[in-house]
Amino acid sequence: MGSLTEREPCPDCILGDVGMAFAIGAVRGSAFHFIKGLCNSPNGTPFAGGMEAMHMNVPRVGGSLAVWAGLFCACDCALVYMRQKEDPWNCILSGAATGGILSVC
């Protein structure tokens, strides 16, 4: 068992980060969209409105966060491979590359 600063090898870390990001997006999106659905539903059906809003929006939120995390980790792994070192510049450049790629799409 390693320390918290060690990371998994690159192909494994991409899949792990995508799964974790989807889970985080799904949990936080569930709470947000359920409360939003409660507030915006017609009188008499707040629970059903909250559940419907959650059911419709959570996969989109979790998927969006998973795409972002996967792209970020893939860019980070590519930079580690190209530069042959692990430093903060990899994360900075990975964030910029991820933002650029997502803005094109």
C-alpha atoms as a PDB file:
ATOM      1  CA  MET A   1       0.000   0.000   0.000  1.00  0.00           C
ATOM      2  CA  GLY A   2       1.541   3.280  -1.129  1.00  0.00           C
ATOM      3  CA  SER A   3       1.204   6.796   0.073  1.00  0.00           C
ATOM      4  CA  LEU A   4      -1.454   9.217  -1.085  1.00  0.00           C
ATOM      5  CA  THR A   5       0.928  10.933  -3.499  1.00  0.00           C
ATOM      6  CA  GLU A   6       1.645   7.793  -5.525  1.00  0.00           C
ATOM      7  CA  ARG A   7      -0.482   7.229  -8.599  1.00  0.00           C
ATOM      8  CA  GLU A   8      -1.521   4.168 -10.518  1.00  0.00           C
ATOM      9  CA  PRO A   9       0.108   3.331 -13.852  1.00  0.00           C
ATOM     10  CA  CYS A  10      -1.382   5.307 -16.702  1.00  0.00           C
ATOM     11  CA  PRO A  11      -3.872   2.997 -18.370  1.00  0.00           C
ATOM     12  CA  ASP A  12      -5.310   2.040 -14.996  1.00  0.00           C
ATOM     13  CA  CYS A  13      -5.505   5.587 -13.687  1.00  0.00           C
ATOM     14  CA  ILE A  14      -7.614   6.723 -16.668  1.00  0.00           C
ATOM     15  CA  LEU A  15     -10.286   4.101 -16.012  1.00  0.00           C
ATOM     16  CA  GLY A  16     -10.180   4.708 -12.269  1.00  0.00           C
ATOM     17  CA  ASP A  17     -10.534   8.467 -12.671  1.00  0.00           C
ATOM     18  CA  VAL A  18     -13.416   8.114 -15.141  1.00  0.00           C
ATOM     19  CA  GLY A  19     -15.302   5.801 -12.802  1.00  0.00           C
ATOM     20  CA  MET A  20     -14.715   7.976  -9.769  1.00  0.00           C
ATOM     21  CA  ALA A  21     -15.726  11.136 -11.628  1.00  0.00           C
ATOM     22  CA  PHE A  22     -18.944   9.512 -12.855  1.00  0.00           C
ATOM     23  CA  ALA A  23     -19.769   8.401  -9.315  1.00  0.00           C
ATOM     24  CA  ILE A  24     -19.098  11.853  -7.863  1.00  0.00           C
ATOM     25  CA  GLY A  25     -21.124  13.536 -10.616  1.00  0.00           C
ATOM     26  CA  ALA A  26     -23.995  11.108 -10.117  1.00  0.00           C
ATOM     27  CA  VAL A  27     -24.146  11.581  -6.341  1.00  0.00           C
ATOM     28  CA  ARG A  28     -23.835  15.356  -6.377  1.00  0.00           C
ATOM     29  CA  GLY A  29     -26.088  15.674  -9.425  1.00  0.00           C
ATOM     30  CA  SER A  30     -28.710  13.538  -7.682  1.00  0.00           C
ATOM     31  CA  ALA A  31     -28.868  15.826  -4.692  1.00  0.00           C
ATOM     32  CA  PHE A  32     -28.873  19.010  -6.758  1.00  0.00           C
ATOM     33  CA  HIS A  33     -31.482  17.942  -9.295  1.00  0.00           C
ATOM     34  CA  PHE A  34     -33.717  16.323  -6.679  1.00  0.00           C
ATOM     35  CA  ILE A  35     -33.843  19.560  -4.678  1.00  0.00           C
ATOM     36  CA  LYS A  36     -34.322  21.570  -7.869  1.00  0.00           C
ATOM     37  CA  GLY A  37     -37.166  19.252  -8.909  1.00  0.00           C
ATOM     38  CA  LEU A  38     -38.776  19.582  -5.476  1.00  0.00           C
ATOM     39  CA  CYS A  39     -38.786  23.356  -5.772  1.00  0.00           C
ATOM     40  CA  ASN A  40     -40.011  23.497  -9.396  1.00  0.00           C
ATOM     41  CA  SER A  41     -42.685  20.792  -9.301  1.00  0.00           C
ATOM     42  CA  PRO A  42     -46.397  21.613  -9.243  1.00  0.00           C
ATOM     43  CA  ASN A  43     -48.247  21.714  -5.921  1.00  0.00           C
ATOM     44  CA  GLY A  44     -49.097  18.297  -4.540  1.00  0.00           C
ATOM     45  CA  THR A  45     -46.334  16.347  -6.337  1.00  0.00           C
ATOM     46  CA  PRO A  46     -42.985  17.589  -5.050  1.00  0.00           C
ATOM     47  CA  PHE A  47     -41.461  14.139  -4.453  1.00  0.00           C
ATOM     48  CA  ALA A  48     -42.441  12.860  -7.901  1.00  0.00           C
ATOM     49  CA  GLY A  49     -41.105  16.051  -9.496  1.00  0.00           C
ATOM     50  CA  GLY A  50     -37.828  15.696  -7.640  1.00  0.00           C
ATOM     51  CA  MET A  51     -37.450  12.069  -8.645  1.00  0.00           C
ATOM     52  CA  GLU A  52     -38.259  12.829 -12.292  1.00  0.00           C
ATOM     53  CA  ALA A  53     -35.771  15.712 -12.438  1.00  0.00           C
ATOM     54  CA  MET A  54     -33.124  13.519 -10.846  1.00  0.00           C
ATOM     55  CA  HIS A  55     -33.845  10.623 -13.210  1.00  0.00           C
ATOM     56  CA  MET A  56     -33.599  12.852 -16.283  1.00  0.00           C
ATOM     57  CA  ASN A  57     -30.478  14.854 -15.416  1.00  0.00           C
ATOM     58  CA  VAL A  58     -28.132  12.692 -13.344  1.00  0.00           C
ATOM     59  CA  PRO A  59     -26.716  10.573 -16.212  1.00  0.00           C
ATOM     60  CA  ARG A  60     -25.864  13.748 -18.132  1.00  0.00           C
ATOM     61  CA  VAL A  61     -24.070  15.320 -15.150  1.00  0.00           C
ATOM     62  CA  GLY A  62     -22.155  12.142 -14.290  1.00  0.00           C
ATOM     63  CA  GLY A  63     -21.245  11.534 -17.927  1.00  0.00           C
ATOM     64  CA  SER A  64     -20.014  15.075 -18.440  1.00  0.00           C
ATOM     65  CA  LEU A  65     -17.772  14.894 -15.402  1.00  0.00           C
ATOM     66  CA  ALA A  66     -16.496  11.462 -16.473  1.00  0.00           C
ATOM     67  CA  VAL A  67     -15.583  12.770 -19.943  1.00  0.00           C
ATOM     68  CA  TRP A  68     -13.738  15.711 -18.441  1.00  0.00           C
ATOM     69  CA  ALA A  69     -11.816  13.511 -15.994  1.00  0.00           C
ATOM     70  CA  GLY A  70     -10.939  10.930 -18.644  1.00  0.00           C
ATOM     71  CA  LEU A  71      -9.661  13.544 -21.042  1.00  0.00           C
ATOM     72  CA  PHE A  72      -7.667  15.264 -18.301  1.00  0.00           C
ATOM     73  CA  CYS A  73      -6.052  12.010 -17.171  1.00  0.00           C
ATOM     74  CA  ALA A  74      -5.301  10.955 -20.758  1.00  0.00           C
ATOM     75  CA  CYS A  75      -3.596  14.302 -21.423  1.00  0.00           C
ATOM     76  CA  ASP A  76      -1.686  14.000 -18.153  1.00  0.00           C
ATOM     77  CA  CYS A  77      -0.498  10.491 -19.019  1.00  0.00           C
ATOM     78  CA  ALA A  78       0.544  11.615 -22.489  1.00  0.00           C
ATOM     79  CA  LEU A  79       2.565  14.472 -21.020  1.00  0.00           C
ATOM     80  CA  VAL A  80       4.229  12.216 -18.463  1.00  0.00           C
ATOM     81  CA  TYR A  81       5.187   9.862 -21.302  1.00  0.00           C
ATOM     82  CA  MET A  82       6.479  12.652 -23.573  1.00  0.00           C
ATOM     83  CA  ARG A  83       8.341  14.671 -20.930  1.00  0.00           C
ATOM     84  CA  GLN A  84       9.558  11.655 -18.908  1.00  0.00           C
ATOM     85  CA  LYS A  85       8.967  13.440 -15.605  1.00  0.00           C
ATOM     86  CA  GLU A  86       6.198  13.995 -13.115  1.00  0.00           C
ATOM     87  CA  ASP A  87       5.820  17.629 -12.063  1.00  0.00           C
ATOM     88  CA  PRO A  88       3.103  20.293 -11.628  1.00  0.00           C
ATOM     89  CA  TRP A  89       3.504  21.468 -15.234  1.00  0.00           C
ATOM     90  CA  ASN A  90       1.888  18.252 -16.430  1.00  0.00           C
ATOM     91  CA  CYS A  91      -1.317  19.061 -14.542  1.00  0.00           C
ATOM     92  CA  ILE A  92      -1.292  22.679 -15.696  1.00  0.00           C
ATOM     93  CA  LEU A  93      -0.800  21.743 -19.336  1.00  0.00           C
ATOM     94  CA  SER A  94      -3.317  18.897 -19.061  1.00  0.00           C
ATOM     95  CA  GLY A  95      -5.952  21.281 -17.770  1.00  0.00           C
ATOM     96  CA  ALA A  96      -5.282  23.711 -20.595  1.00  0.00           C
ATOM     97  CA  ALA A  97      -5.364  20.933 -23.197  1.00  0.00           C
ATOM     98  CA  THR A  98      -8.583  19.500 -21.760  1.00  0.00           C
ATOM     99  CA  GLY A  99     -10.245  22.906 -21.811  1.00  0.00           C
ATOM    100  CA  GLY A 100      -9.097  23.481 -25.369  1.00  0.00           C
ATOM    101  CA  ILE A 101     -10.282  20.099 -26.600  1.00  0.00           C
ATOM    102  CA  LEU A 102     -13.656  20.429 -24.896  1.00  0.00           C
ATOM    103  CA  SER A 103     -14.171  23.935 -26.262  1.00  0.00           C
ATOM    104  CA  VAL A 104     -13.653  22.644 -29.804  1.00  0.00           C
ATOM    105  CA  CYS A 105     -16.267  19.893 -29.421  1.00  0.00           C
END
